[in-house]
Amino acid sequence: MPPQPPPSEKSRAEFGADRVNAGRIVGAFGLAGELKVDASRVGDDALRPGLAVTLCFDDGRTREATIAAVRRHKGRPLVRIDDIADANAAEALGHADLLIARDDAPLHDGEYFDADLVGCRLVDEDGADLGAVVQVAHYPAQDMLVIGPSRALLPLVRAFVARVDVARKQIHVTVPPGLLDPAEADQA
């Protein structure tokens, strides 16, 4: 399957921090109007019957909907939306982001919303400020914190991240020289 375009920035900006992306519709499945969803990590746990979602299309349109049913097929959630009863209606929803209320998205210990990490300052073991998180990038191997205007990448793993303090907007890290600033590697 070809890579899908990322969820639209417009949908995130329009709904702000009270909504999170649960996934993206990547196509219709079968004749009864089910939708194949490329679920986000949040969506994998959150998608369930009765859940209110906002469908955000790439052209800026939105539509409120309720999930009627969810089942898994080949590791992917198949979702049926109330009032979508056939393949043609399902196809019309293709490539929409599924946004859900932040309160409907369960988090486990050590999990954070991207929006909570963006803006946090990285602080090393000596208390030095190493820059601010400008984005969280999700890759198959691990998530990465994107740091400052240079867009340096820091793997979001215990080897580097000692503690996250969302309330104080700080992430305490231990990083080897050169990981965030290549010029430091030349001096080590």
Foldseek 3Di string as FASTA:
>chain_A
DDDDDDAAPLVDVVVDPQKDWQFWFAAADDFFQKTWTPGDPQNVPQDAFQFWWWWAANVGDIDIWTWHGWDDDPRTIITHTPPGTTRVSNRVSHGTTTMGGPVSGDDDPPDDDFVLQFQAWEAEPVRDTPFGFHTWAQDPVAIWGQGDPVRQTDGPDCQFFVDDDSVVSYTYTHDDQCRRPVVRVVVD
